[in-house]
Amino acid sequence: MADTQTATGLRVQQWDDKFFTEFLNENPFSRYMGTDENSIIQVKENLTKKKGDSITFALVNRLNQDAITGSNTLEGNEENVEQRSFKVYVDKWRKATRVSEMEEQKNAINLRDASRSVLMDFKMEYIRDRVITSLGSINGVAYADATETQKDAWLVDNSDRVLFGAAKSNNAANDHSAALAQIDATADKLTPDALSIMKRMAYTSSPKVRPIRTSNGKYYYLAFAGSWAFRDLKTNSTITQAQREVMLANQNNKLFDGGDIEWDGIVVHEVPDIGVISNGTINCQPVYLMGAQALGYAIARRTKTVTKEFDYGDKYGVAIDTIDGLEKMLFGSGSGDTDDLKQHGIVTGYFSGVADS
């Protein structure tokens, strides 16, 4: 009697499932991903079950009018539920490795397993870079590729959620390059006061940037800061004292990681891959204070693997491919659904980013 063998196709599927699970567990942004509207990076997999090139994320703004009290008439005083939408388009991307038969012969592990580590590292770095690019993007255009005209138009629509340095007055009439030039190497470092200004901007902007509610019922914002801006905050004397009191309390906060800084209901996380921007005099770094639905991650097909033989079977390749899309959420603030786009869940700050001397 022959033993039943697992079909090759099933083994491949199990490998693919394991790859996706490991990605979610090891991806540095996974703690901020979720399928509900409270997540910083909201994930939708609608297209895994049906065809299409985009997934629409919906925003329902909070009600603003006062309640009708006493015997006053409610009928005719109903408040309109304001709705907006944002589409994230998906695309296919691939990455592959190749190894010769002799190299595989020298290695005791299977080709797919041997490739998993390097392909996993690539995917995590690729997603990380896309997150950072999306955070800094100007209405869907990478910051480095956006024109001054595009940056000025973006700033006009987002002036209530963009801070240049230590003071809101540094915004020079919504001229992006002129406002950036106001940033000084000494006066405009990332400080606790600047973070608090960004938080107040998040609360008072229209629509407001919703904080994230954690499992313990508290509300927080999350901020990503590059290494130089984070250094200036970390060495600030006010922060030095404050961190002695918050480290233990944050051990069970899923937004909080070792080395993070908590201030005024904001968890600040260092992201070394956030680059610098020159204002013509000094280097500056963006800081992104985020609430719910800051980014949308649309998955049309989870990662799958494909193997192929080359050179009459002497070389073997393994590839991963995925169909997905990742964008900063933008919702219209004008009369039309997509008029006067605002970044929905982010307050962007620009601060001094001068490297160590």
Protein backbone atom coordinates (compact mmCIF):
# COMPACT_ATOMS: atom_id res chain seq x y z
CA MET A 1 0.00 0.00 0.00
CA ALA A 2 1.42 3.36 -1.06
CA ASP A 3 1.50 6.31 1.34
CA THR A 4 -0.45 9.40 0.31
CA GLN A 5 1.84 12.22 -0.81
CA THR A 6 0.99 15.89 -0.58
CA ALA A 7 0.50 17.34 -4.04
CA THR A 8 3.17 19.76 -5.18
CA GLY A 9 0.58 22.44 -5.82
CA LEU A 10 -0.62 22.25 -2.25
CA ARG A 11 2.91 22.52 -0.92
CA VAL A 12 3.39 25.67 -3.01
CA GLN A 13 0.16 27.13 -1.67
CA GLN A 14 1.24 26.43 1.90
CA TRP A 15 4.56 28.14 1.19
CA ASP A 16 2.75 31.16 -0.22
CA ASP A 17 0.44 31.34 2.81
CA LYS A 18 3.43 31.11 5.14
CA PHE A 19 5.24 33.84 3.20
CA PHE A 20 2.25 36.19 3.56
CA THR A 21 1.89 35.39 7.26
CA GLU A 22 5.59 36.01 7.90
CA PHE A 23 5.36 39.29 6.01
CA LEU A 24 2.53 40.48 8.25
CA ASN A 25 4.42 39.39 11.37
CA GLU A 26 7.81 40.86 10.43
CA ASN A 27 6.85 43.93 8.42
CA PRO A 28 7.80 46.98 10.55
CA PHE A 29 4.54 48.69 9.59
CA SER A 30 2.32 45.69 10.36
CA ARG A 31 1.43 47.01 13.84
CA TYR A 32 -0.19 50.00 12.12
CA MET A 33 -2.15 47.94 9.55
CA GLY A 34 -5.73 46.80 9.97
CA THR A 35 -8.99 46.33 8.13
CA ASP A 36 -11.11 48.72 10.18
CA GLU A 37 -11.45 52.49 9.93
CA ASN A 38 -9.48 52.95 13.18
CA SER A 39 -6.27 51.72 11.52
CA ILE A 40 -3.50 54.08 10.45
CA ILE A 41 -2.96 51.96 7.33
CA GLN A 42 -6.37 50.62 6.37
CA VAL A 43 -6.17 47.35 4.42
CA LYS A 44 -8.83 46.18 1.97
CA GLU A 45 -8.75 42.91 0.04
CA ASN A 46 -11.99 43.33 -1.92
CA LEU A 47 -10.36 42.56 -5.25
CA THR A 48 -9.17 39.15 -4.08
CA LYS A 49 -12.77 38.03 -4.58
CA LYS A 50 -13.69 40.00 -7.71
CA LYS A 51 -12.07 41.68 -10.70
CA GLY A 52 -11.11 45.33 -10.88
CA ASP A 53 -8.21 47.77 -11.00
CA SER A 54 -9.04 49.85 -7.92
CA ILE A 55 -10.57 49.74 -4.46
CA THR A 56 -12.64 52.62 -3.14
CA PHE A 57 -12.15 53.74 0.46
CA ALA A 58 -15.07 55.62 1.98
CA LEU A 59 -15.00 58.46 4.49
CA VAL A 60 -18.03 59.48 6.52
CA ASN A 61 -17.31 62.76 8.29
CA ARG A 62 -18.42 63.33 11.88
CA LEU A 63 -21.64 65.22 12.64
CA ASN A 64 -21.05 68.83 13.69
CA GLN A 65 -24.41 70.36 14.59
CA ASP A 66 -25.72 70.54 18.14
CA ALA A 67 -28.44 68.19 19.35
CA ILE A 68 -32.08 69.32 19.34
CA THR A 69 -33.17 69.73 22.94
CA GLY A 70 -36.43 69.93 24.85
CA SER A 71 -39.61 70.31 22.80
CA ASN A 72 -37.86 71.92 19.84
CA THR A 73 -38.69 70.39 16.46
CA LEU A 74 -36.30 67.76 15.14
CA GLU A 75 -38.05 67.24 11.81
CA GLY A 76 -36.54 69.54 9.23
CA ASN A 77 -33.38 70.01 11.31
CA GLU A 78 -31.69 66.76 10.31
CA GLU A 79 -27.98 67.00 9.56
CA ASN A 80 -26.60 65.80 6.26
CA VAL A 81 -24.19 62.86 6.50
CA GLU A 82 -21.22 64.08 4.48
CA GLN A 83 -19.54 61.32 2.50
CA ARG A 84 -16.32 61.26 0.48
CA SER A 85 -14.44 58.59 -1.42
CA PHE A 86 -10.89 57.81 -2.52
CA LYS A 87 -9.73 55.21 -5.03
CA VAL A 88 -6.50 53.26 -4.67
CA TYR A 89 -5.41 51.71 -7.96
CA VAL A 90 -3.59 48.40 -7.92
CA ASP A 91 -0.73 47.17 -10.07
CA LYS A 92 1.39 44.08 -10.36
CA TRP A 93 4.98 43.94 -9.14
CA ARG A 94 7.47 41.07 -9.20
CA LYS A 95 10.88 40.06 -7.90
CA ALA A 96 12.92 36.92 -8.57
CA THR A 97 16.10 35.09 -7.58
CA ARG A 98 18.09 32.52 -9.58
CA VAL A 99 20.54 29.83 -8.48
CA SER A 100 22.51 27.20 -10.38
CA GLU A 101 22.12 23.47 -9.79
CA MET A 102 25.63 23.21 -8.33
CA GLU A 103 24.97 26.01 -5.86
CA GLU A 104 21.75 24.32 -4.83
CA GLN A 105 23.62 21.04 -4.51
CA LYS A 106 25.94 22.66 -1.99
CA ASN A 107 23.01 23.89 0.06
CA ALA A 108 21.06 21.54 2.28
CA ILE A 109 17.86 23.57 2.12
CA ASN A 110 15.15 23.76 -0.52
CA LEU A 111 15.29 26.49 -3.19
CA ARG A 112 12.03 28.10 -2.09
CA ASP A 113 13.13 28.12 1.54
CA ALA A 114 16.54 29.46 0.57
CA SER A 115 14.90 32.30 -1.33
CA ARG A 116 12.25 33.12 1.25
CA SER A 117 14.54 35.19 3.44
CA VAL A 118 15.95 37.46 0.73
CA LEU A 119 12.59 37.82 -1.02
CA MET A 120 10.93 38.60 2.30
CA ASP A 121 13.54 41.27 3.05
CA PHE A 122 12.96 42.78 -0.38
CA LYS A 123 9.19 42.90 0.04
CA MET A 124 9.39 44.49 3.48
CA GLU A 125 11.85 47.12 2.24
CA TYR A 126 9.74 47.71 -0.85
CA ILE A 127 6.59 48.27 1.22
CA ARG A 128 8.55 50.45 3.67
CA ASP A 129 9.81 52.66 0.84
CA ARG A 130 6.32 52.93 -0.65
CA VAL A 131 4.87 53.94 2.72
CA ILE A 132 7.49 56.68 3.12
CA THR A 133 7.00 57.89 -0.47
CA SER A 134 3.23 57.95 -0.02
CA LEU A 135 3.44 59.91 3.23
CA GLY A 136 5.43 62.68 1.56
CA SER A 137 3.58 62.62 -1.75
CA ILE A 138 1.90 65.69 -3.23
CA ASN A 139 -1.57 64.66 -4.38
CA GLY A 140 -0.27 61.29 -5.55
CA VAL A 141 3.04 62.57 -6.96
CA ALA A 142 6.27 61.65 -5.17
CA TYR A 143 7.65 64.72 -3.37
CA ALA A 144 10.92 64.64 -5.31
CA ASP A 145 9.01 64.63 -8.61
CA ALA A 146 6.40 67.27 -7.74
CA THR A 147 6.74 70.73 -9.25
CA GLU A 148 6.67 73.91 -7.20
CA THR A 149 3.25 74.68 -8.66
CA GLN A 150 1.93 71.31 -7.50
CA LYS A 151 3.42 71.81 -4.02
CA ASP A 152 1.86 75.28 -3.73
CA ALA A 153 -1.57 73.98 -4.79
CA TRP A 154 -1.29 71.13 -2.28
CA LEU A 155 -0.33 73.59 0.47
CA VAL A 156 -3.33 75.82 -0.28
CA ASP A 157 -5.70 72.90 0.29
CA ASN A 158 -3.77 71.53 3.27
CA SER A 159 -2.62 74.70 5.02
CA ASP A 160 -4.55 73.72 8.16
CA ARG A 161 -2.49 70.52 8.44
CA VAL A 162 1.04 71.54 7.42
CA LEU A 163 3.55 73.08 9.84
CA PHE A 164 6.90 74.60 8.90
CA GLY A 165 9.23 74.58 11.89
CA ALA A 166 8.25 75.94 15.28
CA ALA A 167 5.45 78.31 14.29
CA LYS A 168 2.40 78.30 12.02
CA SER A 169 3.39 81.81 10.93
CA ASN A 170 6.33 80.30 9.00
CA ASN A 171 3.86 79.41 6.25
CA ALA A 172 4.71 82.17 3.81
CA ALA A 173 1.36 82.77 2.09
CA ASN A 174 1.12 79.12 1.03
CA ASP A 175 4.31 79.36 -1.03
CA HIS A 176 5.91 75.98 -0.30
CA SER A 177 9.54 76.84 -1.10
CA ALA A 178 9.34 80.20 0.69
CA ALA A 179 7.84 78.57 3.78
CA LEU A 180 10.47 75.84 3.74
CA ALA A 181 13.18 78.53 3.58
CA GLN A 182 11.91 79.92 6.91
CA ILE A 183 13.19 76.82 8.73
CA ASP A 184 16.23 77.59 10.86
CA ALA A 185 18.81 75.08 12.09
CA THR A 186 18.40 76.19 15.71
CA ALA A 187 14.93 77.65 16.19
CA ASP A 188 13.04 75.08 14.14
CA LYS A 189 14.13 71.73 15.53
CA LEU A 190 11.53 69.12 16.38
CA THR A 191 10.50 69.91 19.98
CA PRO A 192 7.69 68.92 22.37
CA ASP A 193 6.02 72.30 21.73
CA ALA A 194 6.09 71.70 17.97
CA LEU A 195 4.53 68.27 18.42
CA SER A 196 1.77 69.79 20.51
CA ILE A 197 1.11 72.37 17.79
CA MET A 198 0.78 69.54 15.26
CA LYS A 199 -1.66 67.76 17.57
CA ARG A 200 -3.80 70.88 17.92
CA MET A 201 -3.76 71.29 14.15
CA ALA A 202 -4.98 67.69 13.85
CA TYR A 203 -7.88 68.41 16.21
CA THR A 204 -8.87 71.77 14.73
CA SER A 205 -8.40 71.08 11.02
CA SER A 206 -11.48 70.52 8.90
CA PRO A 207 -12.19 67.67 8.76
CA LYS A 208 -10.23 66.80 11.89
CA VAL A 209 -7.60 64.06 11.89
CA ARG A 210 -9.10 61.31 14.03
CA PRO A 211 -6.75 59.82 16.66
CA ILE A 212 -6.38 56.05 17.01
CA ARG A 213 -8.21 54.37 19.86
CA THR A 214 -6.09 51.66 21.48
CA SER A 215 -7.28 48.54 23.27
CA ASN A 216 -7.03 50.27 26.65
CA GLY A 217 -9.54 52.91 25.54
CA LYS A 218 -7.04 55.75 25.18
CA TYR A 219 -6.56 57.89 22.08
CA TYR A 220 -3.19 58.50 20.44
CA TYR A 221 -1.62 59.96 17.36
CA LEU A 222 1.45 58.34 15.81
CA ALA A 223 4.33 60.37 14.37
CA PHE A 224 7.09 59.14 12.07
CA ALA A 225 10.31 61.15 12.29
CA GLY A 226 13.62 60.84 10.46
CA SER A 227 16.80 60.20 12.45
CA TRP A 228 18.00 63.82 12.69
CA ALA A 229 14.62 65.24 13.73
CA PHE A 230 14.16 62.35 16.16
CA ARG A 231 17.61 63.01 17.63
CA ASP A 232 16.70 66.64 18.36
CA LEU A 233 13.49 65.58 20.07
CA LYS A 234 15.15 62.80 22.06
CA THR A 235 17.83 65.12 23.46
CA ASN A 236 15.35 67.83 24.41
CA SER A 237 15.46 68.26 28.20
CA THR A 238 11.67 68.27 28.55
CA ILE A 239 11.43 64.98 26.68
CA THR A 240 14.29 63.44 28.68
CA GLN A 241 12.37 63.98 31.91
CA ALA A 242 9.00 62.96 30.48
CA GLN A 243 10.23 59.61 29.16
CA ARG A 244 11.16 58.40 32.63
CA GLU A 245 7.46 58.47 33.47
CA VAL A 246 5.89 56.96 30.34
CA MET A 247 8.08 54.00 29.35
CA LEU A 248 6.49 51.50 31.74
CA ALA A 249 2.94 52.67 31.07
CA ASN A 250 3.37 52.13 27.32
CA GLN A 251 4.61 48.57 27.42
CA ASN A 252 1.16 47.24 26.44
CA ASN A 253 0.41 49.96 23.90
CA LYS A 254 0.47 48.35 20.45
CA LEU A 255 1.51 51.67 18.89
CA PHE A 256 4.54 51.88 21.16
CA ASP A 257 7.84 50.16 20.37
CA GLY A 258 11.14 50.11 22.22
CA GLY A 259 12.96 53.41 21.71
CA ASP A 260 9.79 55.34 20.87
CA ILE A 261 8.98 58.65 22.51
CA GLU A 262 5.55 59.52 23.93
CA TRP A 263 4.50 63.11 24.38
CA ASP A 264 1.09 64.70 24.80
CA GLY A 265 -0.77 61.67 23.47
CA ILE A 266 1.61 61.26 20.53
CA VAL A 267 3.83 58.22 20.03
CA VAL A 268 6.90 59.25 18.01
CA HIS A 269 8.65 56.49 16.08
CA GLU A 270 12.06 56.90 14.45
CA VAL A 271 12.16 55.93 10.76
CA PRO A 272 15.80 56.18 9.60
CA ASP A 273 14.82 55.89 5.94
CA ILE A 274 12.97 59.21 5.91
CA GLY A 275 15.30 61.40 3.86
CA VAL A 276 16.21 65.07 3.98
CA ILE A 277 14.98 68.02 1.95
CA SER A 278 17.17 71.05 1.28
CA ASN A 279 15.61 74.46 1.76
CA GLY A 280 18.54 76.13 0.03
CA THR A 281 20.42 76.73 3.29
CA ILE A 282 20.05 73.68 5.51
CA ASN A 283 18.68 70.16 5.30
CA CYS A 284 15.16 69.67 6.65
CA GLN A 285 13.21 66.54 7.48
CA PRO A 286 9.48 65.88 7.28
CA VAL A 287 7.63 64.55 10.31
CA TYR A 288 4.27 62.87 9.77
CA LEU A 289 1.70 62.97 12.58
CA MET A 290 -0.96 60.40 11.71
CA GLY A 291 -4.38 59.35 12.84
CA ALA A 292 -6.89 56.87 11.47
CA GLN A 293 -7.03 56.15 7.73
CA ALA A 294 -3.79 57.93 6.93
CA LEU A 295 -2.94 55.42 4.19
CA GLY A 296 -4.93 52.94 2.16
CA TYR A 297 -3.46 49.55 1.23
CA ALA A 298 -5.45 47.71 -1.45
CA ILE A 299 -4.63 44.05 -2.08
CA ALA A 300 -6.01 42.43 -5.23
CA ARG A 301 -3.87 39.32 -4.98
CA ARG A 302 -1.64 38.18 -2.15
CA THR A 303 1.93 37.22 -2.85
CA LYS A 304 2.35 34.04 -4.85
CA THR A 305 5.49 32.22 -6.01
CA VAL A 306 6.50 30.92 -9.41
CA THR A 307 9.50 28.70 -10.20
CA LYS A 308 11.24 28.30 -13.54
CA GLU A 309 14.12 26.33 -15.02
CA PHE A 310 16.80 27.94 -17.20
CA ASP A 311 19.71 26.69 -19.29
CA TYR A 312 18.44 23.15 -19.81
CA GLY A 313 17.62 22.76 -16.14
CA ASP A 314 21.01 23.91 -14.84
CA LYS A 315 19.60 27.01 -13.16
CA TYR A 316 16.45 27.47 -11.16
CA GLY A 317 14.59 30.66 -10.39
CA VAL A 318 11.90 31.52 -7.89
CA ALA A 319 9.81 34.66 -8.19
CA ILE A 320 7.19 36.39 -6.09
CA ASP A 321 4.49 38.59 -7.52
CA THR A 322 1.72 40.63 -5.96
CA ILE A 323 -1.08 42.88 -7.18
CA ASP A 324 -1.63 45.73 -4.75
CA GLY A 325 -1.70 49.49 -4.30
CA LEU A 326 -0.66 51.79 -1.45
CA GLU A 327 -1.51 55.48 -1.29
CA LYS A 328 -1.95 58.36 1.11
CA MET A 329 -5.69 58.88 1.66
CA LEU A 330 -6.96 62.03 -0.05
CA PHE A 331 -10.55 63.21 0.30
CA GLY A 332 -12.17 66.17 -1.38
CA SER A 333 -12.97 69.21 0.77
CA GLY A 334 -14.82 71.18 -1.93
CA SER A 335 -18.31 70.86 -3.37
CA GLY A 336 -17.38 67.83 -5.45
CA ASP A 337 -16.29 64.45 -4.14
CA THR A 338 -12.69 64.93 -5.29
CA ASP A 339 -12.44 68.74 -5.33
CA ASP A 340 -9.72 70.44 -3.24
CA LEU A 341 -8.06 67.24 -2.04
CA LYS A 342 -6.86 67.06 1.56
CA GLN A 343 -4.63 64.43 3.10
CA HIS A 344 -7.17 62.83 5.37
CA GLY A 345 -5.24 61.36 8.29
CA ILE A 346 -1.94 63.26 8.35
CA VAL A 347 -0.48 66.51 9.62
CA THR A 348 2.87 67.13 7.90
CA GLY A 349 5.64 69.03 9.66
CA TYR A 350 8.98 70.17 8.28
CA PHE A 351 11.84 70.67 10.72
CA SER A 352 15.58 71.11 10.85
CA GLY A 353 17.35 67.93 9.76
CA VAL A 354 21.01 68.88 10.10
CA ALA A 355 23.29 65.85 10.38
CA ASP A 356 25.77 65.29 13.21
CA SER A 357 28.89 67.40 12.88
